[in-house]
Each structure stands twice: as C-alpha cells, then as structure tokens.
C-alpha cells in the first residue's frame, strides 16, 4: 500500500517537474505514460485534456474581453441641439456691423455643446455634423445670414428688400467635418434683420458620426 502511494507521488511530481522544464505540451504526459499503470495513465491523460480545455476557455474569455473593450470604445457620443431666436415677435437688427445671432430659446441641447449665452456651438468631439438654420423676416429690409465655422463663411441665406412681399422665410443646411473645439454659429450680417420668436428663426444641429 505504501509503495503504491509513493509511486503515485513520484509519477505526479515527475509530471510537474517536466512541465517546469519547458517541455512542449503533451510531452510530459507521453513520457510518464510509458511506464505507468493503466489507471495512472488514464488519470494523467485526463489532467492533460483538462489543461488544454482550460487554455481554450482562457483564450475565448480573452477574446470576449477584447471585443467588449472595442465596443465600449465605439459607444456613440450623442450631440443634438435646437434653439429659437426668441424675442417675442420683434425684429432683431438691422445693425451697422455683423453680429452673432444668439438663439436664446433652447429647445433641445443633448451634450450641452450649444451655448445659449453666446449663440455658439462648440464641437465636443471630432466628427461629421449636420446644421440647419431658418428665418422669418419682414420684406422691408434685407435678410443676410451666414453659417460660420470658426471665422469662415460656409453657407448663406439671403433675401432682397422688397415692397411687394410683406414677409419672407428661408433657410439653409450643410454637413461639416469638425475637429474637437471648432465653433459653429449663425452670423446676422450688417444692415440685415430677422424676426425673433420662440418657434421660428431657428438653429439646429447634431453629430452624425464620430471620425
């Protein structure tokens, strides 16, 4: 009885030492099974099979972890805003110089990228954005609105002065590729005007996709 236990311990220890010496997987099992009893051979084979299964499980877990990290890093940043000029049906302008048109009535501002005090949208992330602006105005003065990216005119909306048309409506829209921190705003050009209201003369935008 003592001899059998001693033999088992010796074989098991020999198997462990063979692993520590850096033999290729399965080599230690093959070597030990050359001179062991049938039951011991089966036991060592079971140990070897279990070890390989554990390696497979570990590899799959690592792969799943990497996939989760990748998905997390690609979580979409939501940026959406809409604002109206406000002002209670009163004319804004005309002014002798260009003015940033401030849309004080915020309707939606997910991501807090639009500033209702300055009228400026600041891109929180690099990406493709969509912007649109609309106006309502009287026909007695021109309307000249410019959508600005930093200090650059991107698109405009313009309407001539006329005595035959009591009111004018118009708008424009554009896709922009922005860097983080870029500013987008609507400029009310010199000597032009719009009507302020909580539901007309609006400025909106949203992040289409991060790039």
N, C-alpha and C. Protein backbone atom coordinates (compact mmCIF):
# COMPACT_ATOMS: atom_id res chain seq x y z
N UNK A 1 0.83 -1.20 0.00
CA UNK A 1 0.00 0.00 0.00
C UNK A 1 0.86 1.25 0.00
N UNK A 2 1.85 1.32 0.88
CA UNK A 2 2.75 2.47 0.94
C UNK A 2 3.54 2.61 -0.36
N UNK A 3 3.88 1.48 -0.93
CA UNK A 3 4.65 1.50 -2.18
C UNK A 3 3.82 2.13 -3.30
N UNK A 4 2.51 1.81 -3.37
CA UNK A 4 1.63 2.35 -4.40
C UNK A 4 1.50 3.87 -4.27
N UNK A 5 1.32 4.33 -3.03
CA UNK A 5 1.20 5.78 -2.80
C UNK A 5 2.47 6.50 -3.20
N UNK A 6 3.60 5.91 -2.82
CA UNK A 6 4.89 6.51 -3.15
C UNK A 6 5.09 6.58 -4.65
N UNK A 7 4.68 5.52 -5.34
CA UNK A 7 4.81 5.50 -6.79
C UNK A 7 3.95 6.59 -7.43
N UNK A 8 2.73 6.75 -6.92
CA UNK A 8 1.83 7.79 -7.44
C UNK A 8 2.43 9.18 -7.26
N UNK A 9 2.95 9.43 -6.07
CA UNK A 9 3.54 10.74 -5.79
C UNK A 9 4.75 10.99 -6.68
N UNK A 10 5.56 9.96 -6.87
CA UNK A 10 6.75 10.11 -7.70
C UNK A 10 6.37 10.44 -9.14
N UNK A 11 5.38 9.72 -9.65
CA UNK A 11 4.95 9.95 -11.02
C UNK A 11 4.35 11.35 -11.17
N UNK A 12 3.54 11.73 -10.21
CA UNK A 12 2.90 13.04 -10.28
C UNK A 12 3.92 14.17 -10.20
N UNK A 13 4.88 14.02 -9.28
CA UNK A 13 5.93 15.03 -9.14
C UNK A 13 6.78 15.10 -10.41
N UNK A 14 7.05 13.94 -10.99
CA UNK A 14 7.83 13.91 -12.23
C UNK A 14 7.10 14.62 -13.34
N UNK A 15 5.81 14.48 -13.37
CA UNK A 15 4.99 15.16 -14.39
C UNK A 15 5.05 16.68 -14.20
N UNK A 16 4.94 17.15 -12.96
CA UNK A 16 5.01 18.58 -12.66
C UNK A 16 6.37 19.14 -13.03
N UNK A 17 7.46 18.40 -12.68
CA UNK A 17 8.80 18.88 -12.99
C UNK A 17 9.02 18.98 -14.50
N UNK A 18 8.46 18.02 -15.22
CA UNK A 18 8.60 18.05 -16.67
C UNK A 18 7.95 19.29 -17.25
N UNK A 19 6.82 19.72 -16.66
CA UNK A 19 6.17 20.95 -17.10
C UNK A 19 7.06 22.16 -16.84
N UNK A 20 7.68 22.20 -15.66
CA UNK A 20 8.52 23.35 -15.28
C UNK A 20 9.74 23.46 -16.16
N UNK A 21 10.22 22.37 -16.72
CA UNK A 21 11.42 22.39 -17.54
C UNK A 21 11.14 22.87 -18.97
N UNK A 22 9.89 23.15 -19.24
CA UNK A 22 9.56 23.77 -20.52
C UNK A 22 9.36 22.79 -21.66
N UNK A 23 9.03 21.51 -21.36
CA UNK A 23 8.75 20.58 -22.44
C UNK A 23 7.50 21.01 -23.19
N UNK A 24 7.41 20.69 -24.46
CA UNK A 24 6.21 21.04 -25.22
C UNK A 24 4.98 20.39 -24.62
N UNK A 25 3.77 21.02 -24.77
CA UNK A 25 2.54 20.46 -24.21
C UNK A 25 2.31 19.02 -24.68
N UNK A 26 2.03 18.14 -23.72
CA UNK A 26 1.73 16.76 -24.03
C UNK A 26 2.94 15.86 -23.94
N UNK A 27 4.17 16.44 -24.02
CA UNK A 27 5.38 15.61 -23.98
C UNK A 27 5.53 14.93 -22.65
N UNK A 28 5.28 15.71 -21.54
CA UNK A 28 5.45 15.13 -20.21
C UNK A 28 4.48 13.98 -19.98
N UNK A 29 3.25 14.14 -20.54
CA UNK A 29 2.27 13.07 -20.37
C UNK A 29 2.72 11.82 -21.11
N UNK A 30 3.21 12.00 -22.31
CA UNK A 30 3.65 10.87 -23.11
C UNK A 30 4.80 10.14 -22.44
N UNK A 31 5.77 10.91 -21.91
CA UNK A 31 6.93 10.28 -21.26
C UNK A 31 6.53 9.50 -20.03
N UNK A 32 5.66 10.06 -19.21
CA UNK A 32 5.29 9.40 -17.98
C UNK A 32 4.44 8.16 -18.22
N UNK A 33 3.66 8.20 -19.29
CA UNK A 33 2.76 7.06 -19.53
C UNK A 33 3.48 5.85 -20.09
N UNK A 34 4.76 6.00 -20.43
CA UNK A 34 5.50 4.87 -20.96
C UNK A 34 5.63 3.75 -19.95
N UNK A 35 5.72 4.08 -18.66
CA UNK A 35 5.99 3.05 -17.66
C UNK A 35 5.01 3.06 -16.50
N UNK A 36 3.82 3.69 -16.66
CA UNK A 36 2.87 3.77 -15.55
C UNK A 36 1.81 2.69 -15.66
N UNK A 37 1.05 2.54 -14.57
CA UNK A 37 -0.05 1.59 -14.57
C UNK A 37 -1.21 2.15 -15.37
N UNK A 38 -2.13 1.32 -15.88
CA UNK A 38 -3.25 1.79 -16.71
C UNK A 38 -4.07 2.89 -16.06
N UNK A 39 -4.40 2.73 -14.76
CA UNK A 39 -5.22 3.74 -14.09
C UNK A 39 -4.49 5.07 -14.00
N UNK A 40 -3.19 4.99 -13.71
CA UNK A 40 -2.40 6.20 -13.62
C UNK A 40 -2.31 6.88 -14.99
N UNK A 41 -2.18 6.09 -16.04
CA UNK A 41 -2.11 6.64 -17.40
C UNK A 41 -3.38 7.42 -17.73
N UNK A 42 -4.52 6.84 -17.40
CA UNK A 42 -5.79 7.50 -17.67
C UNK A 42 -5.92 8.80 -16.89
N UNK A 43 -5.44 8.75 -15.62
CA UNK A 43 -5.51 9.94 -14.79
C UNK A 43 -4.66 11.07 -15.36
N UNK A 44 -3.45 10.72 -15.78
CA UNK A 44 -2.56 11.73 -16.35
C UNK A 44 -3.10 12.27 -17.67
N UNK A 45 -3.70 11.39 -18.46
CA UNK A 45 -4.31 11.83 -19.71
C UNK A 45 -5.46 12.79 -19.44
N UNK A 46 -6.26 12.48 -18.39
CA UNK A 46 -7.36 13.36 -18.04
C UNK A 46 -6.85 14.74 -17.63
N UNK A 47 -5.75 14.74 -16.85
CA UNK A 47 -5.15 16.01 -16.44
C UNK A 47 -4.71 16.82 -17.67
N UNK A 48 -4.09 16.14 -18.63
CA UNK A 48 -3.63 16.81 -19.83
C UNK A 48 -4.78 17.39 -20.63
N UNK A 49 -5.86 16.60 -20.77
CA UNK A 49 -7.02 17.06 -21.51
C UNK A 49 -7.67 18.26 -20.84
N UNK A 50 -7.74 18.24 -19.51
CA UNK A 50 -8.33 19.33 -18.77
C UNK A 50 -7.51 20.61 -18.94
N UNK A 51 -6.21 20.44 -18.94
CA UNK A 51 -5.33 21.60 -19.11
C UNK A 51 -5.55 22.26 -20.48
N UNK A 52 -5.67 21.47 -21.52
CA UNK A 52 -5.90 22.02 -22.86
C UNK A 52 -7.25 22.72 -22.95
N UNK A 53 -8.26 22.15 -22.29
CA UNK A 53 -9.59 22.78 -22.29
C UNK A 53 -9.55 24.13 -21.59
N UNK A 54 -8.80 24.18 -20.46
CA UNK A 54 -8.67 25.43 -19.74
C UNK A 54 -8.00 26.50 -20.58
N UNK A 55 -6.99 26.10 -21.35
CA UNK A 55 -6.31 27.04 -22.24
C UNK A 55 -7.29 27.60 -23.28
N UNK A 56 -8.14 26.71 -23.81
CA UNK A 56 -9.12 27.14 -24.81
C UNK A 56 -10.11 28.13 -24.22
N UNK A 57 -10.59 27.81 -23.00
CA UNK A 57 -11.54 28.70 -22.32
C UNK A 57 -10.90 30.05 -22.05
N UNK A 58 -9.65 30.05 -21.58
CA UNK A 58 -8.95 31.31 -21.30
C UNK A 58 -8.81 32.15 -22.57
N UNK A 59 -8.52 31.49 -23.69
CA UNK A 59 -8.36 32.21 -24.95
C UNK A 59 -9.68 32.85 -25.38
N UNK A 60 -10.77 32.11 -25.22
CA UNK A 60 -12.07 32.64 -25.60
C UNK A 60 -12.49 33.79 -24.69
N UNK A 61 -12.21 33.68 -23.40
CA UNK A 61 -12.53 34.75 -22.46
C UNK A 61 -11.75 36.02 -22.81
N UNK A 62 -10.49 35.85 -23.17
CA UNK A 62 -9.67 36.99 -23.54
C UNK A 62 -10.21 37.66 -24.80
N UNK A 63 -10.63 36.83 -25.76
CA UNK A 63 -11.19 37.36 -26.99
C UNK A 63 -12.48 38.14 -26.72
N UNK A 64 -13.33 37.59 -25.84
CA UNK A 64 -14.58 38.27 -25.49
C UNK A 64 -14.30 39.59 -24.78
N UNK A 65 -13.31 39.59 -23.90
CA UNK A 65 -12.94 40.81 -23.19
C UNK A 65 -12.47 41.89 -24.16
N UNK A 66 -11.68 41.49 -25.15
CA UNK A 66 -11.20 42.44 -26.15
C UNK A 66 -12.35 43.02 -26.97
N UNK A 67 -13.31 42.16 -27.32
CA UNK A 67 -14.46 42.61 -28.09
C UNK A 67 -15.30 43.60 -27.30
N UNK A 68 -15.49 43.33 -25.99
CA UNK A 68 -16.25 44.23 -25.15
C UNK A 68 -15.57 45.59 -25.03
N UNK A 69 -14.25 45.57 -24.88
CA UNK A 69 -13.49 46.82 -24.79
C UNK A 69 -13.61 47.62 -26.08
N UNK A 70 -13.59 46.92 -27.23
CA UNK A 70 -13.70 47.59 -28.51
C UNK A 70 -15.08 48.22 -28.69
N UNK A 71 -16.13 47.48 -28.28
CA UNK A 71 -17.49 48.00 -28.38
C UNK A 71 -17.67 49.21 -27.47
N UNK A 72 -17.09 49.14 -26.28
CA UNK A 72 -17.21 50.25 -25.33
C UNK A 72 -16.55 51.50 -25.88
N UNK A 73 -15.40 51.31 -26.53
CA UNK A 73 -14.68 52.46 -27.08
C UNK A 73 -15.42 53.09 -28.24
N UNK A 74 -16.33 52.32 -28.88
CA UNK A 74 -17.08 52.81 -30.02
C UNK A 74 -18.48 53.29 -29.65
N UNK A 75 -18.76 53.38 -28.36
CA UNK A 75 -20.07 53.86 -27.94
C UNK A 75 -20.29 55.26 -28.52
N UNK A 76 -21.44 55.47 -29.10
CA UNK A 76 -21.70 56.71 -29.80
C UNK A 76 -21.93 57.87 -28.84
N UNK A 77 -21.26 58.98 -29.10
CA UNK A 77 -21.49 60.21 -28.37
C UNK A 77 -22.70 60.91 -28.98
N UNK A 78 -23.69 61.23 -28.16
CA UNK A 78 -24.89 61.88 -28.68
C UNK A 78 -24.79 63.39 -28.49
N UNK A 79 -24.89 64.11 -29.59
CA UNK A 79 -24.87 65.56 -29.58
C UNK A 79 -26.01 66.05 -30.47
N UNK A 80 -27.01 66.70 -29.88
CA UNK A 80 -28.18 67.19 -30.62
C UNK A 80 -28.63 68.50 -29.98
N UNK A 81 -28.90 69.50 -30.80
CA UNK A 81 -29.44 70.74 -30.24
C UNK A 81 -30.38 71.41 -31.23
N UNK A 82 -31.34 72.14 -30.69
CA UNK A 82 -32.22 73.02 -31.46
C UNK A 82 -32.53 74.22 -30.57
N UNK A 83 -32.49 75.40 -31.18
CA UNK A 83 -32.77 76.63 -30.43
C UNK A 83 -33.46 77.63 -31.33
N UNK A 84 -34.31 78.48 -30.73
CA UNK A 84 -35.01 79.53 -31.46
C UNK A 84 -34.51 80.90 -30.97
N UNK A 85 -34.65 81.89 -31.83
CA UNK A 85 -34.12 83.21 -31.51
C UNK A 85 -34.83 83.85 -30.32
N UNK A 86 -36.12 83.58 -30.16
CA UNK A 86 -36.87 84.24 -29.09
C UNK A 86 -37.08 85.71 -29.39
N UNK A 87 -37.52 86.44 -28.39
CA UNK A 87 -37.66 87.89 -28.58
C UNK A 87 -39.08 88.39 -28.73
N UNK A 88 -40.07 87.48 -28.75
CA UNK A 88 -41.47 87.90 -28.75
C UNK A 88 -41.93 88.63 -29.99
N UNK A 89 -41.65 88.09 -31.17
CA UNK A 89 -42.12 88.65 -32.44
C UNK A 89 -41.60 90.07 -32.69
N UNK A 90 -40.37 90.31 -32.30
CA UNK A 90 -39.74 91.60 -32.55
C UNK A 90 -38.57 91.43 -33.51
N UNK A 91 -38.31 92.46 -34.25
CA UNK A 91 -37.20 92.41 -35.20
C UNK A 91 -35.87 92.41 -34.45
N UNK A 92 -34.95 91.60 -34.93
CA UNK A 92 -33.57 91.59 -34.45
C UNK A 92 -32.74 92.21 -35.56
N UNK A 93 -32.20 93.40 -35.31
CA UNK A 93 -31.50 94.16 -36.34
C UNK A 93 -32.43 95.14 -37.03
N UNK A 94 -31.94 95.86 -38.03
CA UNK A 94 -30.57 95.76 -38.56
C UNK A 94 -29.54 96.48 -37.69
N UNK A 95 -28.29 95.99 -37.76
CA UNK A 95 -27.17 96.59 -37.06
C UNK A 95 -26.15 97.07 -38.09
N UNK A 96 -25.31 97.98 -37.67
CA UNK A 96 -24.31 98.54 -38.59
C UNK A 96 -23.13 97.61 -38.80
N UNK A 97 -22.98 96.62 -37.93
CA UNK A 97 -21.89 95.65 -38.05
C UNK A 97 -22.44 94.23 -37.97
N UNK A 98 -21.62 93.26 -38.35
CA UNK A 98 -22.02 91.85 -38.22
C UNK A 98 -22.20 91.49 -36.74
N UNK A 99 -23.20 90.66 -36.48
CA UNK A 99 -23.46 90.22 -35.11
C UNK A 99 -23.69 88.70 -35.10
N UNK A 100 -23.18 88.03 -34.06
CA UNK A 100 -23.53 86.63 -33.88
C UNK A 100 -24.98 86.57 -33.43
N UNK A 101 -25.80 85.82 -34.16
CA UNK A 101 -27.21 85.70 -33.82
C UNK A 101 -27.35 84.72 -32.65
N UNK A 102 -27.87 85.21 -31.55
CA UNK A 102 -27.99 84.37 -30.35
C UNK A 102 -29.40 83.79 -30.29
N UNK A 103 -29.48 82.49 -30.27
CA UNK A 103 -30.75 81.78 -30.18
C UNK A 103 -30.96 81.44 -28.69
N UNK A 104 -31.78 82.26 -28.05
CA UNK A 104 -31.89 82.20 -26.59
C UNK A 104 -32.87 81.14 -26.09
N UNK A 105 -33.84 80.76 -26.93
CA UNK A 105 -34.84 79.78 -26.53
C UNK A 105 -34.33 78.38 -26.89
N UNK A 106 -33.76 77.67 -25.91
CA UNK A 106 -33.21 76.33 -26.17
C UNK A 106 -34.34 75.31 -26.12
N UNK A 107 -34.46 74.55 -27.18
CA UNK A 107 -35.48 73.50 -27.28
C UNK A 107 -34.89 72.16 -26.87
N UNK A 108 -33.72 71.84 -27.41
CA UNK A 108 -33.01 70.61 -27.10
C UNK A 108 -31.51 70.92 -27.07
N UNK A 109 -30.81 70.34 -26.11
CA UNK A 109 -29.36 70.57 -26.04
C UNK A 109 -28.68 69.36 -25.39
N UNK A 110 -28.81 68.21 -26.03
CA UNK A 110 -28.19 66.98 -25.53
C UNK A 110 -26.69 67.04 -25.80
N UNK A 111 -25.91 66.94 -24.76
CA UNK A 111 -24.47 67.06 -24.88
C UNK A 111 -23.95 68.43 -24.50
N UNK A 112 -24.89 69.40 -24.33
CA UNK A 112 -24.54 70.76 -23.89
C UNK A 112 -23.45 71.41 -24.74
N UNK A 113 -23.50 71.18 -26.03
CA UNK A 113 -22.50 71.76 -26.92
C UNK A 113 -22.89 73.16 -27.41
N UNK A 114 -24.19 73.48 -27.32
CA UNK A 114 -24.64 74.80 -27.73
C UNK A 114 -24.73 75.72 -26.52
N UNK A 115 -24.21 76.95 -26.67
CA UNK A 115 -24.21 77.93 -25.60
C UNK A 115 -25.25 79.01 -25.89
N UNK A 116 -26.32 79.05 -25.12
CA UNK A 116 -27.41 80.00 -25.37
C UNK A 116 -27.04 81.43 -24.97
N UNK A 117 -25.92 81.63 -24.29
CA UNK A 117 -25.47 82.98 -23.94
C UNK A 117 -24.69 83.60 -25.09
N UNK A 118 -23.85 82.80 -25.73
CA UNK A 118 -23.02 83.30 -26.83
C UNK A 118 -23.60 83.00 -28.21
N UNK A 119 -24.49 82.00 -28.31
CA UNK A 119 -25.03 81.58 -29.60
C UNK A 119 -24.10 80.68 -30.38
N UNK A 120 -23.05 80.18 -29.72
CA UNK A 120 -22.01 79.40 -30.41
C UNK A 120 -22.11 77.92 -30.04
N UNK A 121 -22.00 77.07 -31.05
CA UNK A 121 -21.90 75.63 -30.87
C UNK A 121 -20.42 75.27 -30.92
N UNK A 122 -19.95 74.53 -29.90
CA UNK A 122 -18.56 74.08 -29.84
C UNK A 122 -18.53 72.56 -29.94
N UNK A 123 -17.89 72.04 -30.97
CA UNK A 123 -17.87 70.59 -31.22
C UNK A 123 -17.16 69.87 -30.07
N UNK A 124 -17.85 68.95 -29.38
CA UNK A 124 -17.22 68.23 -28.28
C UNK A 124 -16.30 67.10 -28.73
N UNK A 125 -16.52 66.59 -29.95
CA UNK A 125 -15.69 65.51 -30.48
C UNK A 125 -15.46 65.74 -31.97
N UNK A 126 -14.43 65.14 -32.49
CA UNK A 126 -14.15 65.18 -33.92
C UNK A 126 -15.19 64.33 -34.65
N UNK A 127 -15.77 64.88 -35.73
CA UNK A 127 -16.77 64.08 -36.44
C UNK A 127 -17.46 64.86 -37.55
N UNK A 128 -18.47 64.20 -38.14
CA UNK A 128 -19.31 64.78 -39.17
C UNK A 128 -20.59 65.29 -38.50
N UNK A 129 -20.91 66.56 -38.72
CA UNK A 129 -22.08 67.18 -38.12
C UNK A 129 -23.01 67.72 -39.21
N UNK A 130 -24.28 67.82 -38.85
CA UNK A 130 -25.27 68.42 -39.75
C UNK A 130 -25.88 69.64 -39.06
N UNK A 131 -25.95 70.77 -39.79
CA UNK A 131 -26.51 72.00 -39.25
C UNK A 131 -27.57 72.56 -40.20
N UNK A 132 -28.58 73.15 -39.61
CA UNK A 132 -29.62 73.79 -40.39
C UNK A 132 -30.09 75.06 -39.67
N UNK A 133 -30.44 76.09 -40.43
CA UNK A 133 -30.97 77.31 -39.84
C UNK A 133 -32.07 77.88 -40.72
N UNK A 134 -33.08 78.46 -40.09
CA UNK A 134 -34.24 79.01 -40.80
C UNK A 134 -34.59 80.37 -40.21
N UNK A 135 -35.24 81.18 -41.03
CA UNK A 135 -35.62 82.51 -40.54
C UNK A 135 -37.00 82.91 -41.03
N UNK A 136 -37.57 83.85 -40.30
CA UNK A 136 -38.77 84.56 -40.73
C UNK A 136 -38.46 86.04 -40.58
N UNK A 137 -38.80 86.85 -41.57
CA UNK A 137 -38.45 88.28 -41.54
C UNK A 137 -39.42 89.09 -42.37
N UNK A 138 -39.37 90.40 -42.17
CA UNK A 138 -40.19 91.30 -42.97
C UNK A 138 -39.52 91.59 -44.30
N UNK A 139 -40.30 92.13 -45.23
CA UNK A 139 -39.76 92.39 -46.55
C UNK A 139 -39.16 93.77 -46.72
N UNK A 140 -39.24 94.62 -45.69
CA UNK A 140 -38.78 96.00 -45.82
C UNK A 140 -37.27 96.13 -45.67
N UNK A 141 -36.61 95.08 -45.14
CA UNK A 141 -35.15 95.10 -45.01
C UNK A 141 -34.59 93.78 -45.56
N UNK A 142 -33.33 93.80 -45.94
CA UNK A 142 -32.72 92.57 -46.45
C UNK A 142 -32.52 91.58 -45.31
N UNK A 143 -32.40 90.32 -45.70
CA UNK A 143 -32.02 89.26 -44.76
C UNK A 143 -30.72 88.67 -45.27
N UNK A 144 -29.72 88.63 -44.41
CA UNK A 144 -28.43 88.03 -44.78
C UNK A 144 -27.87 87.31 -43.58
N UNK A 145 -27.97 85.99 -43.63
CA UNK A 145 -27.47 85.13 -42.56
C UNK A 145 -26.35 84.25 -43.09
N UNK A 146 -25.28 84.12 -42.31
CA UNK A 146 -24.13 83.30 -42.71
C UNK A 146 -23.86 82.26 -41.64
N UNK A 147 -23.80 80.99 -42.06
CA UNK A 147 -23.38 79.95 -41.12
C UNK A 147 -21.86 79.94 -41.10
N UNK A 148 -21.30 80.11 -39.93
CA UNK A 148 -19.86 80.28 -39.77
C UNK A 148 -19.23 79.04 -39.12
N UNK A 149 -18.08 78.66 -39.64
CA UNK A 149 -17.23 77.67 -38.99
C UNK A 149 -15.98 78.41 -38.56
N UNK A 150 -15.83 78.58 -37.26
CA UNK A 150 -14.78 79.45 -36.72
C UNK A 150 -14.97 80.85 -37.33
N UNK A 151 -14.06 81.33 -38.16
CA UNK A 151 -14.23 82.66 -38.77
C UNK A 151 -14.50 82.58 -40.27
N UNK A 152 -14.91 81.40 -40.72
CA UNK A 152 -15.10 81.17 -42.16
C UNK A 152 -16.58 81.02 -42.50
N UNK A 153 -17.02 81.73 -43.55
CA UNK A 153 -18.39 81.57 -44.05
C UNK A 153 -18.50 80.24 -44.78
N UNK A 154 -19.48 79.42 -44.38
CA UNK A 154 -19.67 78.11 -45.00
C UNK A 154 -20.82 78.16 -46.00
N UNK A 155 -22.00 78.52 -45.54
CA UNK A 155 -23.17 78.70 -46.42
C UNK A 155 -23.93 79.93 -45.95
N UNK A 156 -24.78 80.47 -46.85
CA UNK A 156 -25.53 81.69 -46.53
C UNK A 156 -27.00 81.53 -46.87
N UNK A 157 -27.77 82.46 -46.34
CA UNK A 157 -29.18 82.61 -46.70
C UNK A 157 -29.44 84.10 -46.89
N UNK A 158 -29.98 84.46 -48.05
CA UNK A 158 -30.11 85.89 -48.37
C UNK A 158 -31.46 86.17 -49.03
N UNK A 159 -32.04 87.35 -48.68
CA UNK A 159 -33.29 87.76 -49.32
C UNK A 159 -33.26 89.27 -49.51
N UNK A 160 -33.63 89.73 -50.71
CA UNK A 160 -33.59 91.16 -51.03
C UNK A 160 -34.73 91.93 -50.37
N UNK A 161 -34.53 93.21 -50.23
CA UNK A 161 -35.59 94.10 -49.76
C UNK A 161 -36.64 94.22 -50.85
N UNK A 162 -37.90 94.21 -50.44
CA UNK A 162 -38.99 94.35 -51.43
C UNK A 162 -40.21 94.99 -50.77
N UNK A 163 -40.95 95.72 -51.55
CA UNK A 163 -42.20 96.32 -51.04
C UNK A 163 -43.42 95.49 -51.43
N UNK A 164 -43.19 94.51 -52.27
CA UNK A 164 -44.30 93.69 -52.76
C UNK A 164 -44.55 92.47 -51.89
N UNK A 165 -43.62 92.19 -50.98
CA UNK A 165 -43.72 90.98 -50.15
C UNK A 165 -43.63 91.40 -48.69
N UNK A 166 -44.70 91.18 -47.95
CA UNK A 166 -44.72 91.64 -46.56
C UNK A 166 -43.88 90.82 -45.61
N UNK A 167 -43.58 89.57 -45.94
CA UNK A 167 -42.79 88.71 -45.05
C UNK A 167 -42.01 87.70 -45.87
N UNK A 168 -40.89 87.29 -45.34
CA UNK A 168 -40.01 86.33 -46.02
C UNK A 168 -39.64 85.19 -45.08
N UNK A 169 -39.48 84.03 -45.68
CA UNK A 169 -38.99 82.85 -44.94
C UNK A 169 -37.90 82.19 -45.76
N UNK A 170 -36.92 81.63 -45.10
CA UNK A 170 -35.84 80.96 -45.82
C UNK A 170 -34.97 80.15 -44.88
N UNK A 171 -34.02 79.47 -45.46
CA UNK A 171 -33.12 78.67 -44.64
C UNK A 171 -32.03 78.03 -45.49
N UNK A 172 -31.15 77.31 -44.81
CA UNK A 172 -30.08 76.59 -45.49
C UNK A 172 -29.59 75.49 -44.55
N UNK A 173 -28.77 74.57 -45.08
CA UNK A 173 -28.28 73.45 -44.28
C UNK A 173 -26.97 72.96 -44.86
N UNK A 174 -26.17 72.27 -44.04
CA UNK A 174 -24.87 71.81 -44.50
C UNK A 174 -24.34 70.71 -43.59
N UNK A 175 -23.55 69.80 -44.18
CA UNK A 175 -22.77 68.83 -43.41
C UNK A 175 -21.37 69.41 -43.25
N UNK A 176 -20.82 69.29 -42.04
CA UNK A 176 -19.48 69.79 -41.77
C UNK A 176 -18.63 68.74 -41.06
N UNK A 177 -17.38 68.65 -41.48
CA UNK A 177 -16.42 67.83 -40.74
C UNK A 177 -15.68 68.75 -39.77
N UNK A 178 -15.85 68.48 -38.49
CA UNK A 178 -15.30 69.35 -37.46
C UNK A 178 -14.24 68.65 -36.63
N UNK A 179 -13.30 69.43 -36.15
CA UNK A 179 -12.35 68.99 -35.15
C UNK A 179 -12.92 69.34 -33.77
N UNK A 180 -12.47 68.63 -32.76
CA UNK A 180 -12.91 68.95 -31.41
C UNK A 180 -12.56 70.41 -31.09
N UNK A 181 -13.56 71.15 -30.60
CA UNK A 181 -13.34 72.54 -30.25
C UNK A 181 -13.68 73.54 -31.33
N UNK A 182 -13.97 73.09 -32.56
CA UNK A 182 -14.38 74.01 -33.62
C UNK A 182 -15.69 74.70 -33.24
N UNK A 183 -15.84 75.95 -33.64
CA UNK A 183 -17.04 76.73 -33.34
C UNK A 183 -17.90 76.88 -34.59
N UNK A 184 -19.21 76.72 -34.40
CA UNK A 184 -20.18 76.92 -35.47
C UNK A 184 -21.28 77.83 -34.94
N UNK A 185 -21.64 78.84 -35.73
CA UNK A 185 -22.66 79.79 -35.29
C UNK A 185 -23.26 80.47 -36.52
N UNK A 186 -24.36 81.18 -36.30
CA UNK A 186 -25.02 81.92 -37.38
C UNK A 186 -24.73 83.40 -37.17
N UNK A 187 -24.26 84.04 -38.23
CA UNK A 187 -23.95 85.47 -38.17
C UNK A 187 -25.05 86.26 -38.86
N UNK A 188 -25.57 87.24 -38.15
CA UNK A 188 -26.51 88.19 -38.75
C UNK A 188 -25.65 89.30 -39.37
N UNK A 189 -25.62 89.33 -40.69
CA UNK A 189 -24.72 90.26 -41.38
C UNK A 189 -25.21 91.70 -41.23
N UNK A 190 -24.28 92.63 -41.37
CA UNK A 190 -24.57 94.05 -41.19
C UNK A 190 -25.73 94.51 -42.08
N UNK A 191 -26.56 95.38 -41.51
CA UNK A 191 -27.69 96.01 -42.22
C UNK A 191 -28.78 95.02 -42.63
N UNK A 192 -28.84 93.89 -41.94
CA UNK A 192 -29.90 92.91 -42.21
C UNK A 192 -30.66 92.62 -40.91
N UNK A 193 -31.76 91.89 -41.03
CA UNK A 193 -32.58 91.64 -39.84
C UNK A 193 -33.33 90.31 -39.98
N UNK A 194 -33.85 89.80 -38.86
CA UNK A 194 -34.79 88.68 -38.80
C UNK A 194 -35.80 89.00 -37.70
N UNK A 195 -36.85 88.21 -37.64
CA UNK A 195 -37.82 88.36 -36.55
C UNK A 195 -37.53 87.31 -35.49
N UNK A 196 -37.55 87.80 -34.26
CA UNK A 196 -37.36 86.88 -33.14
C UNK A 196 -38.67 86.25 -32.71
N UNK A 197 -38.61 84.96 -32.40
CA UNK A 197 -39.81 84.24 -31.98
C UNK A 197 -39.37 82.92 -31.36
N UNK A 198 -40.23 82.34 -30.53
CA UNK A 198 -39.88 81.07 -29.86
C UNK A 198 -40.07 79.86 -30.76
N UNK A 199 -40.70 80.03 -31.92
CA UNK A 199 -40.98 78.86 -32.77
C UNK A 199 -40.48 79.04 -34.21
N UNK A 200 -40.03 80.24 -34.58
CA UNK A 200 -39.45 80.46 -35.90
C UNK A 200 -38.09 81.11 -35.73
N UNK A 201 -37.33 81.21 -36.82
CA UNK A 201 -35.94 81.68 -36.78
C UNK A 201 -35.15 80.77 -35.84
N UNK A 202 -34.78 79.61 -36.35
CA UNK A 202 -34.18 78.56 -35.53
C UNK A 202 -32.80 78.14 -36.05
N UNK A 203 -32.07 77.48 -35.17
CA UNK A 203 -30.73 76.97 -35.45
C UNK A 203 -30.63 75.60 -34.81
N UNK A 204 -30.29 74.57 -35.61
CA UNK A 204 -30.24 73.20 -35.10
C UNK A 204 -29.02 72.48 -35.64
N UNK A 205 -28.63 71.43 -34.96
CA UNK A 205 -27.51 70.61 -35.43
C UNK A 205 -27.39 69.33 -34.63
N UNK A 206 -26.67 68.38 -35.21
CA UNK A 206 -26.42 67.13 -34.48
C UNK A 206 -25.18 66.43 -35.05
N UNK A 207 -24.61 65.59 -34.21
CA UNK A 207 -23.46 64.78 -34.62
C UNK A 207 -23.96 63.58 -35.41
N UNK A 208 -23.49 63.46 -36.64
CA UNK A 208 -23.87 62.33 -37.48
C UNK A 208 -23.03 61.11 -37.14
N UNK A 209 -21.70 61.32 -37.07
CA UNK A 209 -20.80 60.20 -36.81
C UNK A 209 -19.45 60.72 -36.38
N UNK A 210 -18.87 60.07 -35.38
CA UNK A 210 -17.51 60.40 -34.98
C UNK A 210 -16.54 59.82 -36.00
N UNK A 211 -15.43 60.53 -36.24
CA UNK A 211 -14.42 60.05 -37.19
C UNK A 211 -13.04 60.21 -36.57
